[in-house]
Amino acid sequence: MENRKKIGLFFGSFNPIHIGHLILANYILENSDMQELWFVVSPQNPFKDKKSLLKDHNRLDMVQLAIRNYPKMRASNVEFSLPTPSYTIDTLTYLKEKHPDFSFSLIMGEDNLGSLHKWKNYELLLKNHQIIVYPRILGEEKKDEVFESLRLTVAQHENIHQIDAPIIELSATEIRNMIKEGKNVRPMLPPEVFEYLDGSSFYK
């Protein structure tokens, strides 16, 4: 089992993918035993009308453009064909069945760690998968809340690994708002993604 290819899964809307995502992904690849990192693009919930969320294929296109020069990164549309809403454990189960020779780890922000116990079948997720946790800027109260809820979980499961990645507080929401206001977002986006958006009416 030790010779299975190690894949890190980075879930998100990527609406749009920005340089913060790439910096974090690259850090994890260079400072862990992950051999590949997959950006798993979350599909739009068909029951919700979210006007600010670009169509699935547009967001996937942007991820593919962004990682073109990163051979260890991949864009995944695996959740596009799975039932919605998407539950992480179901996606992981599907991927394990499809790729039995791969070992999948989950990448998540410190801010999401506190709600892990509310996830569907979280015990199974913890038992069968490593969880790589990157730091976020949290208020002391929020930090206490996260670690209070996880005290027992962390003690019982050695599969949670916190990494000292750089904190890039870039927000896709802020980028979308800046585009709408006609502001320059070029420094925040991979060049290919900036060109893709600049030639479109997306987010305007």
N, C-alpha and C. Protein backbone atom coordinates (compact mmCIF):
# COMPACT_ATOMS: atom_id res chain seq x y z
N MET A 1 0.82 -1.21 0.00
CA MET A 1 0.00 0.00 0.00
C MET A 1 0.86 1.27 0.00
N GLU A 2 2.11 1.13 0.52
CA GLU A 2 2.96 2.30 0.64
C GLU A 2 3.39 2.85 -0.71
N ASN A 3 3.34 2.01 -1.77
CA ASN A 3 3.82 2.49 -3.07
C ASN A 3 2.70 3.13 -3.90
N ARG A 4 1.54 3.35 -3.29
CA ARG A 4 0.46 4.01 -4.01
C ARG A 4 0.81 5.47 -4.28
N LYS A 5 0.43 5.95 -5.43
CA LYS A 5 0.69 7.34 -5.80
C LYS A 5 -0.11 8.26 -4.89
N LYS A 6 0.55 9.27 -4.32
CA LYS A 6 -0.10 10.15 -3.35
C LYS A 6 -0.63 11.42 -4.01
N ILE A 7 -1.94 11.60 -3.90
CA ILE A 7 -2.63 12.71 -4.54
C ILE A 7 -3.28 13.60 -3.48
N GLY A 8 -3.03 14.90 -3.56
CA GLY A 8 -3.72 15.85 -2.69
C GLY A 8 -4.90 16.43 -3.43
N LEU A 9 -6.05 16.50 -2.79
CA LEU A 9 -7.27 17.03 -3.41
C LEU A 9 -7.61 18.38 -2.80
N PHE A 10 -7.66 19.39 -3.65
CA PHE A 10 -7.95 20.75 -3.24
C PHE A 10 -9.32 21.11 -3.83
N PHE A 11 -10.37 21.05 -3.00
CA PHE A 11 -11.74 21.32 -3.45
C PHE A 11 -12.03 22.82 -3.42
N GLY A 12 -12.85 23.27 -4.36
CA GLY A 12 -13.24 24.67 -4.32
C GLY A 12 -14.07 25.07 -5.53
N SER A 13 -14.67 26.26 -5.44
CA SER A 13 -15.42 26.80 -6.58
C SER A 13 -14.46 27.35 -7.64
N PHE A 14 -13.31 27.90 -7.17
CA PHE A 14 -12.32 28.50 -8.06
C PHE A 14 -13.02 29.48 -9.01
N ASN A 15 -13.63 30.48 -8.37
CA ASN A 15 -14.52 31.41 -9.07
C ASN A 15 -14.07 32.86 -8.90
N PRO A 16 -12.87 33.23 -9.41
CA PRO A 16 -11.95 32.45 -10.23
C PRO A 16 -10.78 31.90 -9.41
N ILE A 17 -10.03 30.98 -10.02
CA ILE A 17 -8.76 30.55 -9.43
C ILE A 17 -7.82 31.76 -9.45
N HIS A 18 -7.03 31.94 -8.38
CA HIS A 18 -6.13 33.10 -8.32
C HIS A 18 -4.75 32.65 -7.85
N ILE A 19 -3.82 33.60 -7.76
CA ILE A 19 -2.44 33.22 -7.46
C ILE A 19 -2.30 32.65 -6.05
N GLY A 20 -3.20 33.02 -5.13
CA GLY A 20 -3.16 32.45 -3.79
C GLY A 20 -3.33 30.94 -3.83
N HIS A 21 -4.25 30.46 -4.69
CA HIS A 21 -4.46 29.02 -4.83
C HIS A 21 -3.18 28.33 -5.34
N LEU A 22 -2.52 28.96 -6.31
CA LEU A 22 -1.33 28.36 -6.90
C LEU A 22 -0.15 28.36 -5.92
N ILE A 23 0.00 29.44 -5.18
CA ILE A 23 1.09 29.52 -4.19
C ILE A 23 0.93 28.42 -3.15
N LEU A 24 -0.31 28.25 -2.67
CA LEU A 24 -0.59 27.23 -1.67
C LEU A 24 -0.37 25.83 -2.24
N ALA A 25 -0.89 25.58 -3.43
CA ALA A 25 -0.75 24.27 -4.06
C ALA A 25 0.72 23.92 -4.28
N ASN A 26 1.49 24.89 -4.76
CA ASN A 26 2.90 24.66 -5.02
C ASN A 26 3.66 24.39 -3.71
N TYR A 27 3.30 25.14 -2.66
CA TYR A 27 3.94 24.93 -1.36
C TYR A 27 3.71 23.50 -0.86
N ILE A 28 2.48 23.03 -0.98
CA ILE A 28 2.15 21.69 -0.50
C ILE A 28 2.93 20.63 -1.29
N LEU A 29 3.01 20.80 -2.59
CA LEU A 29 3.74 19.84 -3.42
C LEU A 29 5.23 19.82 -3.08
N GLU A 30 5.77 20.99 -2.76
CA GLU A 30 7.21 21.08 -2.49
C GLU A 30 7.57 20.73 -1.05
N ASN A 31 6.56 20.68 -0.16
CA ASN A 31 6.86 20.48 1.26
C ASN A 31 6.06 19.33 1.88
N SER A 32 5.66 18.38 1.07
CA SER A 32 4.95 17.20 1.58
C SER A 32 5.31 16.02 0.68
N ASP A 33 4.72 14.88 0.97
CA ASP A 33 5.01 13.71 0.13
C ASP A 33 3.98 13.55 -0.99
N MET A 34 3.16 14.60 -1.22
CA MET A 34 2.19 14.54 -2.32
C MET A 34 2.93 14.54 -3.66
N GLN A 35 2.54 13.64 -4.53
CA GLN A 35 3.16 13.56 -5.85
C GLN A 35 2.39 14.36 -6.90
N GLU A 36 1.09 14.54 -6.65
CA GLU A 36 0.27 15.38 -7.52
C GLU A 36 -0.75 16.11 -6.66
N LEU A 37 -1.22 17.24 -7.17
CA LEU A 37 -2.32 17.96 -6.51
C LEU A 37 -3.41 18.20 -7.55
N TRP A 38 -4.62 17.79 -7.19
CA TRP A 38 -5.75 17.98 -8.10
C TRP A 38 -6.66 19.08 -7.58
N PHE A 39 -6.97 20.05 -8.43
CA PHE A 39 -7.98 21.06 -8.12
C PHE A 39 -9.33 20.46 -8.49
N VAL A 40 -10.16 20.15 -7.49
CA VAL A 40 -11.48 19.56 -7.74
C VAL A 40 -12.50 20.70 -7.80
N VAL A 41 -12.97 21.00 -9.00
CA VAL A 41 -13.88 22.12 -9.19
C VAL A 41 -15.29 21.70 -8.77
N SER A 42 -15.84 22.43 -7.81
CA SER A 42 -17.18 22.10 -7.29
C SER A 42 -18.25 22.56 -8.28
N PRO A 43 -19.22 21.70 -8.59
CA PRO A 43 -20.27 22.10 -9.53
C PRO A 43 -21.27 23.05 -8.88
N GLN A 44 -21.97 23.78 -9.73
CA GLN A 44 -23.03 24.65 -9.22
C GLN A 44 -24.19 23.79 -8.77
N ASN A 45 -24.72 24.12 -7.61
CA ASN A 45 -25.89 23.40 -7.11
C ASN A 45 -27.09 23.76 -8.00
N PRO A 46 -27.69 22.76 -8.65
CA PRO A 46 -28.78 23.07 -9.58
C PRO A 46 -30.01 23.68 -8.91
N PHE A 47 -30.08 23.55 -7.59
CA PHE A 47 -31.24 24.08 -6.86
C PHE A 47 -31.02 25.51 -6.38
N LYS A 48 -29.81 26.03 -6.64
CA LYS A 48 -29.51 27.39 -6.19
C LYS A 48 -29.14 28.25 -7.40
N ASP A 49 -29.71 29.43 -7.45
CA ASP A 49 -29.38 30.37 -8.52
C ASP A 49 -28.36 31.35 -7.98
N LYS A 50 -27.09 31.07 -8.28
CA LYS A 50 -26.03 31.93 -7.78
C LYS A 50 -25.42 32.66 -8.98
N LYS A 51 -25.88 33.88 -9.19
CA LYS A 51 -25.50 34.61 -10.40
C LYS A 51 -24.00 34.89 -10.48
N SER A 52 -23.33 35.01 -9.34
CA SER A 52 -21.91 35.33 -9.36
C SER A 52 -21.03 34.12 -9.67
N LEU A 53 -21.64 32.92 -9.70
CA LEU A 53 -20.86 31.71 -9.95
C LEU A 53 -20.88 31.40 -11.45
N LEU A 54 -19.69 31.42 -12.04
CA LEU A 54 -19.61 31.10 -13.46
C LEU A 54 -19.99 29.65 -13.71
N LYS A 55 -20.34 29.34 -14.94
CA LYS A 55 -20.71 27.98 -15.30
C LYS A 55 -19.53 27.04 -15.02
N ASP A 56 -19.88 25.79 -14.73
CA ASP A 56 -18.87 24.80 -14.35
C ASP A 56 -17.70 24.75 -15.34
N HIS A 57 -18.02 24.69 -16.64
CA HIS A 57 -16.95 24.50 -17.63
C HIS A 57 -16.05 25.74 -17.73
N ASN A 58 -16.60 26.93 -17.45
CA ASN A 58 -15.76 28.14 -17.46
C ASN A 58 -14.75 28.11 -16.32
N ARG A 59 -15.20 27.69 -15.15
CA ARG A 59 -14.29 27.64 -14.00
C ARG A 59 -13.25 26.54 -14.18
N LEU A 60 -13.65 25.43 -14.78
CA LEU A 60 -12.71 24.35 -15.09
C LEU A 60 -11.68 24.82 -16.11
N ASP A 61 -12.14 25.55 -17.14
CA ASP A 61 -11.23 26.10 -18.15
C ASP A 61 -10.17 26.97 -17.50
N MET A 62 -10.59 27.82 -16.55
CA MET A 62 -9.64 28.73 -15.90
C MET A 62 -8.59 27.97 -15.10
N VAL A 63 -9.03 26.91 -14.41
CA VAL A 63 -8.06 26.10 -13.65
C VAL A 63 -7.07 25.45 -14.61
N GLN A 64 -7.57 24.90 -15.71
CA GLN A 64 -6.68 24.26 -16.68
C GLN A 64 -5.67 25.25 -17.25
N LEU A 65 -6.12 26.47 -17.53
CA LEU A 65 -5.20 27.51 -18.02
C LEU A 65 -4.15 27.86 -16.96
N ALA A 66 -4.62 27.99 -15.71
CA ALA A 66 -3.74 28.43 -14.61
C ALA A 66 -2.61 27.44 -14.34
N ILE A 67 -2.88 26.14 -14.52
CA ILE A 67 -1.89 25.12 -14.13
C ILE A 67 -1.12 24.55 -15.32
N ARG A 68 -1.28 25.18 -16.46
CA ARG A 68 -0.66 24.68 -17.70
C ARG A 68 0.84 24.42 -17.53
N ASN A 69 1.52 25.26 -16.77
CA ASN A 69 2.97 25.12 -16.60
C ASN A 69 3.38 24.43 -15.30
N TYR A 70 2.42 23.74 -14.68
CA TYR A 70 2.69 23.03 -13.43
C TYR A 70 2.37 21.54 -13.65
N PRO A 71 3.37 20.75 -14.03
CA PRO A 71 3.11 19.35 -14.40
C PRO A 71 2.56 18.47 -13.28
N LYS A 72 2.74 18.89 -12.03
CA LYS A 72 2.24 18.06 -10.92
C LYS A 72 0.83 18.45 -10.49
N MET A 73 0.23 19.42 -11.18
CA MET A 73 -1.13 19.85 -10.84
C MET A 73 -2.10 19.42 -11.94
N ARG A 74 -3.31 19.06 -11.52
CA ARG A 74 -4.34 18.66 -12.46
C ARG A 74 -5.66 19.34 -12.12
N ALA A 75 -6.49 19.53 -13.13
CA ALA A 75 -7.85 20.03 -12.92
C ALA A 75 -8.79 18.85 -13.00
N SER A 76 -9.69 18.74 -12.01
CA SER A 76 -10.61 17.61 -11.98
C SER A 76 -12.06 18.07 -12.04
N ASN A 77 -12.82 17.44 -12.93
CA ASN A 77 -14.26 17.72 -13.03
C ASN A 77 -15.07 16.54 -12.49
N VAL A 78 -14.44 15.75 -11.62
CA VAL A 78 -15.06 14.50 -11.14
C VAL A 78 -16.45 14.74 -10.54
N GLU A 79 -16.65 15.88 -9.86
CA GLU A 79 -17.93 16.11 -9.19
C GLU A 79 -19.04 16.54 -10.15
N PHE A 80 -18.68 16.89 -11.38
CA PHE A 80 -19.69 17.34 -12.35
C PHE A 80 -20.70 16.24 -12.65
N SER A 81 -20.22 14.98 -12.59
CA SER A 81 -21.09 13.86 -12.96
C SER A 81 -21.63 13.10 -11.75
N LEU A 82 -21.31 13.57 -10.55
CA LEU A 82 -21.79 12.91 -9.33
C LEU A 82 -23.08 13.59 -8.86
N PRO A 83 -23.90 12.89 -8.07
CA PRO A 83 -25.15 13.49 -7.57
C PRO A 83 -24.87 14.75 -6.75
N THR A 84 -25.78 15.70 -6.84
CA THR A 84 -25.66 16.91 -6.03
C THR A 84 -26.70 16.88 -4.92
N PRO A 85 -26.43 17.51 -3.78
CA PRO A 85 -25.18 18.21 -3.49
C PRO A 85 -24.01 17.25 -3.34
N SER A 86 -22.81 17.77 -3.59
CA SER A 86 -21.61 16.93 -3.52
C SER A 86 -21.15 16.79 -2.08
N TYR A 87 -20.98 15.56 -1.64
CA TYR A 87 -20.40 15.31 -0.32
C TYR A 87 -18.99 14.79 -0.52
N THR A 88 -18.04 15.36 0.22
CA THR A 88 -16.63 15.02 0.04
C THR A 88 -16.39 13.52 0.18
N ILE A 89 -17.02 12.88 1.15
CA ILE A 89 -16.79 11.45 1.37
C ILE A 89 -17.25 10.64 0.16
N ASP A 90 -18.33 11.07 -0.50
CA ASP A 90 -18.82 10.36 -1.69
C ASP A 90 -17.84 10.51 -2.85
N THR A 91 -17.30 11.71 -2.99
CA THR A 91 -16.31 11.95 -4.05
C THR A 91 -15.07 11.11 -3.81
N LEU A 92 -14.61 11.07 -2.56
CA LEU A 92 -13.42 10.28 -2.23
C LEU A 92 -13.66 8.79 -2.46
N THR A 93 -14.84 8.31 -2.10
CA THR A 93 -15.18 6.90 -2.32
C THR A 93 -15.16 6.58 -3.81
N TYR A 94 -15.73 7.46 -4.61
CA TYR A 94 -15.74 7.27 -6.06
C TYR A 94 -14.31 7.25 -6.62
N LEU A 95 -13.48 8.19 -6.18
CA LEU A 95 -12.11 8.27 -6.67
C LEU A 95 -11.29 7.05 -6.26
N LYS A 96 -11.51 6.56 -5.06
CA LYS A 96 -10.79 5.36 -4.60
C LYS A 96 -11.15 4.15 -5.45
N GLU A 97 -12.43 4.06 -5.82
CA GLU A 97 -12.87 2.94 -6.66
C GLU A 97 -12.29 3.05 -8.07
N LYS A 98 -12.22 4.27 -8.57
CA LYS A 98 -11.74 4.50 -9.93
C LYS A 98 -10.22 4.40 -10.02
N HIS A 99 -9.54 4.78 -8.93
CA HIS A 99 -8.06 4.78 -8.93
C HIS A 99 -7.55 4.02 -7.70
N PRO A 100 -7.67 2.70 -7.70
CA PRO A 100 -7.27 1.91 -6.52
C PRO A 100 -5.77 2.00 -6.20
N ASP A 101 -4.97 2.43 -7.17
CA ASP A 101 -3.52 2.53 -6.94
C ASP A 101 -3.10 3.90 -6.41
N PHE A 102 -4.07 4.78 -6.19
CA PHE A 102 -3.78 6.12 -5.69
C PHE A 102 -4.20 6.23 -4.22
N SER A 103 -3.47 7.06 -3.48
CA SER A 103 -3.84 7.38 -2.10
C SER A 103 -4.23 8.86 -2.07
N PHE A 104 -5.47 9.14 -1.68
CA PHE A 104 -5.99 10.51 -1.75
C PHE A 104 -5.98 11.18 -0.37
N SER A 105 -5.45 12.39 -0.34
CA SER A 105 -5.48 13.23 0.87
C SER A 105 -6.33 14.45 0.60
N LEU A 106 -6.90 14.98 1.66
CA LEU A 106 -7.79 16.13 1.55
C LEU A 106 -7.05 17.37 2.05
N ILE A 107 -7.13 18.46 1.28
CA ILE A 107 -6.49 19.72 1.66
C ILE A 107 -7.58 20.69 2.09
N MET A 108 -7.43 21.25 3.28
CA MET A 108 -8.45 22.20 3.75
C MET A 108 -7.83 23.30 4.60
N GLY A 109 -8.54 24.42 4.67
CA GLY A 109 -8.09 25.54 5.49
C GLY A 109 -8.40 25.32 6.95
N GLU A 110 -7.60 25.94 7.78
CA GLU A 110 -7.76 25.84 9.23
C GLU A 110 -9.16 26.27 9.67
N ASP A 111 -9.75 27.23 8.92
CA ASP A 111 -11.07 27.74 9.28
C ASP A 111 -12.16 26.69 9.08
N ASN A 112 -11.93 25.73 8.17
CA ASN A 112 -12.93 24.68 7.93
C ASN A 112 -12.78 23.49 8.87
N LEU A 113 -11.66 23.46 9.57
CA LEU A 113 -11.38 22.31 10.43
C LEU A 113 -12.41 22.17 11.55
N GLY A 114 -12.85 23.30 12.08
CA GLY A 114 -13.78 23.27 13.21
C GLY A 114 -15.13 22.66 12.91
N SER A 115 -15.51 22.67 11.62
CA SER A 115 -16.82 22.10 11.25
C SER A 115 -16.70 20.69 10.68
N LEU A 116 -15.51 20.14 10.74
CA LEU A 116 -15.29 18.81 10.16
C LEU A 116 -16.22 17.75 10.77
N HIS A 117 -16.48 17.89 12.06
CA HIS A 117 -17.32 16.89 12.73
C HIS A 117 -18.78 16.95 12.25
N LYS A 118 -19.12 17.97 11.46
CA LYS A 118 -20.48 18.08 10.92
C LYS A 118 -20.58 17.48 9.51
N TRP A 119 -19.44 17.10 8.95
CA TRP A 119 -19.44 16.57 7.59
C TRP A 119 -20.03 15.17 7.56
N LYS A 120 -20.60 14.82 6.42
CA LYS A 120 -21.16 13.48 6.24
C LYS A 120 -20.04 12.43 6.41
N ASN A 121 -20.28 11.45 7.28
CA ASN A 121 -19.35 10.33 7.51
C ASN A 121 -17.91 10.81 7.78
N TYR A 122 -17.79 11.86 8.61
CA TYR A 122 -16.46 12.43 8.83
C TYR A 122 -15.50 11.43 9.49
N GLU A 123 -16.04 10.50 10.29
CA GLU A 123 -15.18 9.51 10.94
C GLU A 123 -14.50 8.63 9.90
N LEU A 124 -15.26 8.26 8.88
CA LEU A 124 -14.73 7.43 7.80
C LEU A 124 -13.67 8.20 7.00
N LEU A 125 -13.95 9.47 6.80
CA LEU A 125 -13.02 10.33 6.08
C LEU A 125 -11.68 10.40 6.82
N LEU A 126 -11.77 10.61 8.14
CA LEU A 126 -10.55 10.70 8.96
C LEU A 126 -9.80 9.38 9.04
N LYS A 127 -10.55 8.31 9.06
CA LYS A 127 -9.94 6.98 9.19
C LYS A 127 -9.14 6.60 7.94
N ASN A 128 -9.68 6.97 6.76
CA ASN A 128 -9.11 6.48 5.50
C ASN A 128 -8.27 7.48 4.73
N HIS A 129 -8.23 8.73 5.19
CA HIS A 129 -7.52 9.75 4.40
C HIS A 129 -6.74 10.70 5.29
N GLN A 130 -5.58 11.09 4.82
CA GLN A 130 -4.85 12.17 5.48
C GLN A 130 -5.56 13.49 5.21
N ILE A 131 -5.52 14.39 6.17
CA ILE A 131 -6.06 15.73 5.97
C ILE A 131 -4.92 16.73 6.19
N ILE A 132 -4.63 17.48 5.14
CA ILE A 132 -3.57 18.49 5.20
C ILE A 132 -4.23 19.83 5.46
N VAL A 133 -3.86 20.46 6.57
CA VAL A 133 -4.52 21.70 6.99
C VAL A 133 -3.56 22.87 6.83
N TYR A 134 -3.98 23.86 6.04
CA TYR A 134 -3.13 25.05 5.87
C TYR A 134 -3.69 26.19 6.73
N PRO A 135 -2.80 27.09 7.18
CA PRO A 135 -3.23 28.14 8.12
C PRO A 135 -4.05 29.24 7.45
N ARG A 136 -4.95 29.80 8.22
CA ARG A 136 -5.72 30.98 7.80
C ARG A 136 -5.65 31.99 8.93
N ILE A 137 -5.90 33.25 8.62
CA ILE A 137 -5.94 34.27 9.67
C ILE A 137 -7.30 34.16 10.36
N LEU A 138 -7.25 33.78 11.63
CA LEU A 138 -8.47 33.63 12.41
C LEU A 138 -8.38 34.51 13.65
N GLY A 139 -9.50 35.08 14.05
CA GLY A 139 -9.54 35.79 15.33
C GLY A 139 -9.32 34.79 16.45
N GLU A 140 -8.86 35.28 17.60
CA GLU A 140 -8.57 34.37 18.72
C GLU A 140 -9.79 33.55 19.11
N GLU A 141 -10.96 34.20 19.08
CA GLU A 141 -12.19 33.50 19.47
C GLU A 141 -12.48 32.35 18.49
N LYS A 142 -12.31 32.63 17.21
CA LYS A 142 -12.55 31.61 16.19
C LYS A 142 -11.53 30.48 16.31
N LYS A 143 -10.27 30.86 16.58
CA LYS A 143 -9.21 29.86 16.73
C LYS A 143 -9.51 28.94 17.90
N ASP A 144 -9.95 29.52 19.02
CA ASP A 144 -10.30 28.73 20.19
C ASP A 144 -11.45 27.77 19.87
N GLU A 145 -12.40 28.29 19.12
CA GLU A 145 -13.58 27.50 18.75
C GLU A 145 -13.18 26.30 17.88
N VAL A 146 -12.28 26.55 16.92
CA VAL A 146 -11.80 25.48 16.04
C VAL A 146 -11.13 24.39 16.83
N PHE A 147 -10.19 24.79 17.70
CA PHE A 147 -9.42 23.78 18.41
C PHE A 147 -10.20 23.12 19.54
N GLU A 148 -11.16 23.83 20.10
CA GLU A 148 -12.02 23.24 21.11
C GLU A 148 -12.83 22.11 20.49
N SER A 149 -13.38 22.35 19.31
CA SER A 149 -14.21 21.34 18.65
C SER A 149 -13.38 20.17 18.16
N LEU A 150 -12.07 20.40 17.99
CA LEU A 150 -11.24 19.34 17.41
C LEU A 150 -10.33 18.64 18.41
N ARG A 151 -10.37 19.06 19.65
CA ARG A 151 -9.41 18.52 20.62
C ARG A 151 -9.41 17.00 20.64
N LEU A 152 -10.59 16.41 20.77
CA LEU A 152 -10.68 14.95 20.80
C LEU A 152 -10.38 14.35 19.44
N THR A 153 -10.87 14.99 18.40
CA THR A 153 -10.67 14.48 17.04
C THR A 153 -9.19 14.37 16.72
N VAL A 154 -8.44 15.45 16.98
CA VAL A 154 -7.02 15.46 16.68
C VAL A 154 -6.29 14.43 17.53
N ALA A 155 -6.69 14.32 18.79
CA ALA A 155 -6.03 13.36 19.70
C ALA A 155 -6.23 11.93 19.23
N GLN A 156 -7.38 11.66 18.65
CA GLN A 156 -7.71 10.29 18.27
C GLN A 156 -7.27 9.94 16.85
N HIS A 157 -6.99 10.93 16.05
CA HIS A 157 -6.66 10.66 14.65
C HIS A 157 -5.34 11.30 14.27
N GLU A 158 -4.39 10.45 13.87
CA GLU A 158 -3.08 10.95 13.46
C GLU A 158 -3.07 11.37 11.99
N ASN A 159 -4.23 11.36 11.37
CA ASN A 159 -4.29 11.69 9.95
C ASN A 159 -4.44 13.18 9.67
N ILE A 160 -4.52 14.00 10.73
CA ILE A 160 -4.60 15.45 10.53
C ILE A 160 -3.19 16.03 10.63
N HIS A 161 -2.75 16.68 9.56
CA HIS A 161 -1.40 17.24 9.51
C HIS A 161 -1.47 18.73 9.19
N GLN A 162 -1.00 19.53 10.12
CA GLN A 162 -0.99 20.98 9.90
C GLN A 162 0.33 21.38 9.26
N ILE A 163 0.26 22.21 8.23
CA ILE A 163 1.47 22.65 7.54
C ILE A 163 1.63 24.15 7.70
N ASP A 164 2.87 24.59 7.64
CA ASP A 164 3.18 26.00 7.87
C ASP A 164 3.26 26.74 6.55
N ALA A 165 2.20 26.67 5.77
CA ALA A 165 2.18 27.32 4.45
C ALA A 165 2.02 28.83 4.60
N PRO A 166 2.49 29.59 3.61
CA PRO A 166 2.29 31.05 3.68
C PRO A 166 0.80 31.39 3.63
N ILE A 167 0.40 32.39 4.38
CA ILE A 167 -1.00 32.81 4.40
C ILE A 167 -1.21 33.88 3.33
N ILE A 168 -1.97 33.53 2.32
CA ILE A 168 -2.28 34.48 1.24
C ILE A 168 -3.76 34.82 1.36
N GLU A 169 -4.04 35.98 1.90
CA GLU A 169 -5.45 36.34 2.13
C GLU A 169 -6.06 37.01 0.90
N LEU A 170 -6.06 36.28 -0.20
CA LEU A 170 -6.72 36.78 -1.41
C LEU A 170 -8.12 36.18 -1.46
N SER A 171 -9.08 36.97 -1.84
CA SER A 171 -10.46 36.51 -1.87
C SER A 171 -11.01 36.57 -3.28
N ALA A 172 -11.58 35.44 -3.73
CA ALA A 172 -12.22 35.41 -5.05
C ALA A 172 -13.39 36.40 -5.10
N THR A 173 -14.07 36.54 -3.96
CA THR A 173 -15.19 37.50 -3.89
C THR A 173 -14.69 38.92 -4.14
N GLU A 174 -13.58 39.25 -3.50
CA GLU A 174 -12.99 40.59 -3.67
C GLU A 174 -12.57 40.80 -5.13
N ILE A 175 -11.98 39.77 -5.73
CA ILE A 175 -11.55 39.87 -7.13
C ILE A 175 -12.75 40.10 -8.04
N ARG A 176 -13.82 39.36 -7.81
CA ARG A 176 -15.04 39.54 -8.62
C ARG A 176 -15.59 40.96 -8.48
N ASN A 177 -15.60 41.46 -7.24
CA ASN A 177 -16.11 42.82 -7.00
C ASN A 177 -15.24 43.86 -7.70
N MET A 178 -13.93 43.64 -7.67
CA MET A 178 -13.01 44.59 -8.33
C MET A 178 -13.22 44.59 -9.84
N ILE A 179 -13.45 43.40 -10.41
CA ILE A 179 -13.71 43.32 -11.86
C ILE A 179 -14.99 44.08 -12.19
N LYS A 180 -16.01 43.89 -11.35
CA LYS A 180 -17.30 44.57 -11.57
C LYS A 180 -17.14 46.09 -11.52
N GLU A 181 -16.22 46.54 -10.67
CA GLU A 181 -15.99 47.98 -10.51
C GLU A 181 -14.96 48.52 -11.50
N GLY A 182 -14.49 47.66 -12.40
CA GLY A 182 -13.54 48.10 -13.42
C GLY A 182 -12.13 48.31 -12.90
N LYS A 183 -11.79 47.70 -11.77
CA LYS A 183 -10.45 47.85 -11.18
C LYS A 183 -9.49 46.79 -11.74
N ASN A 184 -8.21 47.08 -11.64
CA ASN A 184 -7.19 46.19 -12.19
C ASN A 184 -6.92 45.00 -11.25
N VAL A 185 -7.16 43.79 -11.73
CA VAL A 185 -6.92 42.59 -10.92
C VAL A 185 -5.77 41.76 -11.48
N ARG A 186 -5.05 42.30 -12.46
CA ARG A 186 -3.98 41.54 -13.13
C ARG A 186 -2.99 40.89 -12.14
N PRO A 187 -2.52 41.63 -11.10
CA PRO A 187 -1.52 41.02 -10.20
C PRO A 187 -2.07 39.84 -9.37
N MET A 188 -3.38 39.72 -9.28
CA MET A 188 -3.98 38.69 -8.42
C MET A 188 -4.25 37.38 -9.14
N LEU A 189 -4.13 37.39 -10.47
CA LEU A 189 -4.52 36.22 -11.25
C LEU A 189 -3.35 35.68 -12.06
N PRO A 190 -3.33 34.37 -12.30
CA PRO A 190 -2.35 33.84 -13.26
C PRO A 190 -2.58 34.56 -14.60
N PRO A 191 -1.52 34.87 -15.34
CA PRO A 191 -1.67 35.65 -16.58
C PRO A 191 -2.71 35.08 -17.55
N GLU A 192 -2.74 33.75 -17.68
CA GLU A 192 -3.68 33.12 -18.62
C GLU A 192 -5.13 33.33 -18.17
N VAL A 193 -5.34 33.34 -16.86
CA VAL A 193 -6.70 33.54 -16.32
C VAL A 193 -7.11 35.00 -16.49
N PHE A 194 -6.15 35.90 -16.28
CA PHE A 194 -6.46 37.32 -16.49
C PHE A 194 -6.88 37.56 -17.94
N GLU A 195 -6.14 36.99 -18.90
CA GLU A 195 -6.47 37.17 -20.32
C GLU A 195 -7.84 36.57 -20.63
N TYR A 196 -8.13 35.43 -20.04
CA TYR A 196 -9.42 34.74 -20.25
C TYR A 196 -10.57 35.63 -19.80
N LEU A 197 -10.41 36.22 -18.62
CA LEU A 197 -11.48 37.07 -18.06
C LEU A 197 -11.53 38.43 -18.75
N ASP A 198 -10.36 38.95 -19.10
CA ASP A 198 -10.29 40.29 -19.69
C ASP A 198 -10.98 40.32 -21.06
N GLY A 199 -11.00 39.19 -21.73
CA GLY A 199 -11.64 39.13 -23.04
C GLY A 199 -13.10 38.69 -22.98
N SER A 200 -13.66 38.73 -21.78
CA SER A 200 -15.05 38.27 -21.61
C SER A 200 -15.85 39.32 -20.84
N SER A 201 -17.12 39.01 -20.64
CA SER A 201 -17.97 39.90 -19.84
C SER A 201 -18.21 39.30 -18.45
N PHE A 202 -17.45 38.24 -18.09
CA PHE A 202 -17.63 37.56 -16.81
C PHE A 202 -17.38 38.50 -15.65
N TYR A 203 -18.27 38.42 -14.66
CA TYR A 203 -18.21 39.17 -13.40
C TYR A 203 -18.48 40.67 -13.58
N LYS A 204 -18.83 41.09 -14.78
CA LYS A 204 -19.02 42.55 -14.99
C LYS A 204 -20.48 42.93 -14.84
